[in-house]
Structures are given as C-alpha cells and as structure tokens.
C-alpha cells in the first residue's frame, strides 16, 4: 500500500463516471448559487 496513490483517481477526470459527474454538477450549482447570492447582497447593500 503506497501512501500517495493519486494516479488512478484524478480529481478532474476528462471522462468522469456518472457518480463523479453528478457530484461535480452539484458542487458547481452550489458555488453558482453562492456567487449569485453574494452579487445580490452586494447590490442590495446601501
């Protein structure tokens, strides 16, 4: 067992499996909602 074996599982896989694609999509939507809320809060602040 090697301690750092990141060759097989890259974080940004060019052809991700279905579960990883779903996870990346969910994280992207969460980040997008956070950015939109931040922009709205900035514009709404006096």
N, C-alpha and C. Protein backbone atom coordinates (compact mmCIF):
# COMPACT_ATOMS: atom_id res chain seq x y z
N UNK A 1 0.85 -1.19 0.00
CA UNK A 1 0.00 0.00 0.00
C UNK A 1 0.88 1.24 0.00
N UNK A 2 0.78 2.01 -1.08
CA UNK A 2 1.52 3.26 -1.12
C UNK A 2 0.67 4.37 -0.52
N UNK A 3 1.30 5.30 0.15
CA UNK A 3 0.56 6.33 0.87
C UNK A 3 -0.08 7.36 -0.05
N UNK A 4 0.58 7.67 -1.18
CA UNK A 4 0.07 8.74 -2.05
C UNK A 4 -0.12 8.16 -3.44
N UNK A 5 -1.27 7.58 -3.69
CA UNK A 5 -1.55 6.96 -4.98
C UNK A 5 -2.66 7.75 -5.66
N UNK A 6 -2.28 8.84 -6.31
CA UNK A 6 -3.28 9.70 -6.94
C UNK A 6 -3.32 9.50 -8.45
N UNK A 7 -2.56 8.54 -8.98
CA UNK A 7 -2.54 8.34 -10.41
C UNK A 7 -3.82 7.75 -10.94
N UNK A 8 -4.43 6.85 -10.19
CA UNK A 8 -5.62 6.16 -10.68
C UNK A 8 -6.86 7.03 -10.58
N UNK A 9 -6.95 7.83 -9.53
CA UNK A 9 -8.14 8.66 -9.35
C UNK A 9 -7.74 10.13 -9.41
N UNK A 10 -7.88 10.74 -10.57
CA UNK A 10 -7.61 12.17 -10.65
C UNK A 10 -8.88 12.92 -10.27
N UNK A 11 -8.72 14.11 -9.72
CA UNK A 11 -9.88 14.87 -9.27
C UNK A 11 -10.68 15.36 -10.46
N UNK A 12 -9.97 15.85 -11.48
CA UNK A 12 -10.66 16.33 -12.68
C UNK A 12 -10.43 15.32 -13.80
N UNK A 13 -11.27 14.30 -13.82
CA UNK A 13 -11.14 13.25 -14.82
C UNK A 13 -11.72 13.75 -16.15
N UNK A 14 -11.03 13.60 -17.25
CA UNK A 14 -11.58 14.07 -18.53
C UNK A 14 -12.89 13.37 -18.89
N UNK A 15 -13.00 12.09 -18.55
CA UNK A 15 -14.23 11.34 -18.80
C UNK A 15 -14.72 10.77 -17.48
N UNK A 16 -15.36 11.59 -16.66
CA UNK A 16 -15.74 11.10 -15.33
C UNK A 16 -16.88 10.11 -15.39
N UNK A 17 -16.93 9.24 -14.39
CA UNK A 17 -18.05 8.31 -14.30
C UNK A 17 -19.30 9.07 -13.90
N UNK A 18 -20.43 8.39 -13.97
CA UNK A 18 -21.71 9.06 -13.75
C UNK A 18 -21.79 9.67 -12.35
N UNK A 19 -21.33 8.98 -11.35
CA UNK A 19 -21.41 9.49 -9.99
C UNK A 19 -20.54 10.72 -9.80
N UNK A 20 -19.35 10.69 -10.39
CA UNK A 20 -18.45 11.85 -10.25
C UNK A 20 -19.02 13.04 -11.01
N UNK A 21 -19.61 12.80 -12.18
CA UNK A 21 -20.19 13.90 -12.96
C UNK A 21 -21.33 14.54 -12.17
N UNK A 22 -22.14 13.73 -11.50
CA UNK A 22 -23.23 14.26 -10.69
C UNK A 22 -22.69 15.09 -9.53
N UNK A 23 -21.62 14.59 -8.89
CA UNK A 23 -21.03 15.32 -7.77
C UNK A 23 -20.46 16.66 -8.23
N UNK A 24 -19.76 16.68 -9.36
CA UNK A 24 -19.20 17.92 -9.87
C UNK A 24 -20.32 18.90 -10.24
N UNK A 25 -21.40 18.38 -10.80
CA UNK A 25 -22.53 19.25 -11.15
C UNK A 25 -23.16 19.86 -9.91
N UNK A 26 -23.36 19.06 -8.86
CA UNK A 26 -23.95 19.57 -7.62
C UNK A 26 -23.06 20.63 -7.00
N UNK A 27 -21.75 20.37 -6.95
CA UNK A 27 -20.83 21.35 -6.38
C UNK A 27 -20.81 22.63 -7.20
N UNK A 28 -20.90 22.51 -8.52
CA UNK A 28 -20.94 23.69 -9.38
C UNK A 28 -22.19 24.52 -9.16
N UNK A 29 -23.32 23.85 -9.00
CA UNK A 29 -24.57 24.57 -8.75
C UNK A 29 -24.52 25.28 -7.40
N UNK A 30 -23.97 24.60 -6.38
CA UNK A 30 -23.86 25.23 -5.06
C UNK A 30 -22.97 26.46 -5.12
N UNK A 31 -21.84 26.36 -5.84
CA UNK A 31 -20.94 27.50 -5.96
C UNK A 31 -21.61 28.63 -6.73
N UNK A 32 -22.34 28.30 -7.79
CA UNK A 32 -23.04 29.32 -8.57
C UNK A 32 -24.09 30.05 -7.75
N UNK A 33 -24.86 29.31 -6.95
CA UNK A 33 -25.87 29.94 -6.10
C UNK A 33 -25.22 30.86 -5.09
N UNK A 34 -24.08 30.43 -4.53
CA UNK A 34 -23.36 31.28 -3.57
C UNK A 34 -22.90 32.57 -4.22
N UNK A 35 -22.39 32.50 -5.43
CA UNK A 35 -21.93 33.69 -6.14
C UNK A 35 -23.09 34.62 -6.43
N UNK A 36 -24.22 34.07 -6.87
CA UNK A 36 -25.40 34.89 -7.18
C UNK A 36 -25.90 35.60 -5.93
N UNK A 37 -25.96 34.87 -4.81
CA UNK A 37 -26.41 35.48 -3.56
C UNK A 37 -25.45 36.59 -3.14
N UNK A 38 -24.15 36.37 -3.32
CA UNK A 38 -23.16 37.39 -2.99
C UNK A 38 -23.32 38.65 -3.83
N UNK A 39 -23.57 38.49 -5.12
CA UNK A 39 -23.75 39.64 -6.01
C UNK A 39 -25.02 40.40 -5.64
N UNK A 40 -26.11 39.67 -5.37
CA UNK A 40 -27.37 40.33 -4.99
C UNK A 40 -27.20 41.07 -3.67
N UNK A 41 -26.50 40.46 -2.70
CA UNK A 41 -26.30 41.12 -1.42
C UNK A 41 -25.43 42.37 -1.58
N UNK A 42 -24.45 42.32 -2.47
CA UNK A 42 -23.61 43.48 -2.70
C UNK A 42 -24.40 44.61 -3.34
N UNK A 43 -25.24 44.28 -4.30
CA UNK A 43 -26.04 45.32 -4.97
C UNK A 43 -27.12 45.88 -4.06
N UNK A 44 -27.64 45.05 -3.15
CA UNK A 44 -28.74 45.49 -2.28
C UNK A 44 -28.24 46.27 -1.08
N UNK A 45 -26.94 46.15 -0.77
CA UNK A 45 -26.44 46.86 0.42
C UNK A 45 -26.34 48.36 0.11
N UNK A 46 -26.71 49.20 1.06
CA UNK A 46 -26.68 50.67 0.81
C UNK A 46 -25.26 51.21 0.70
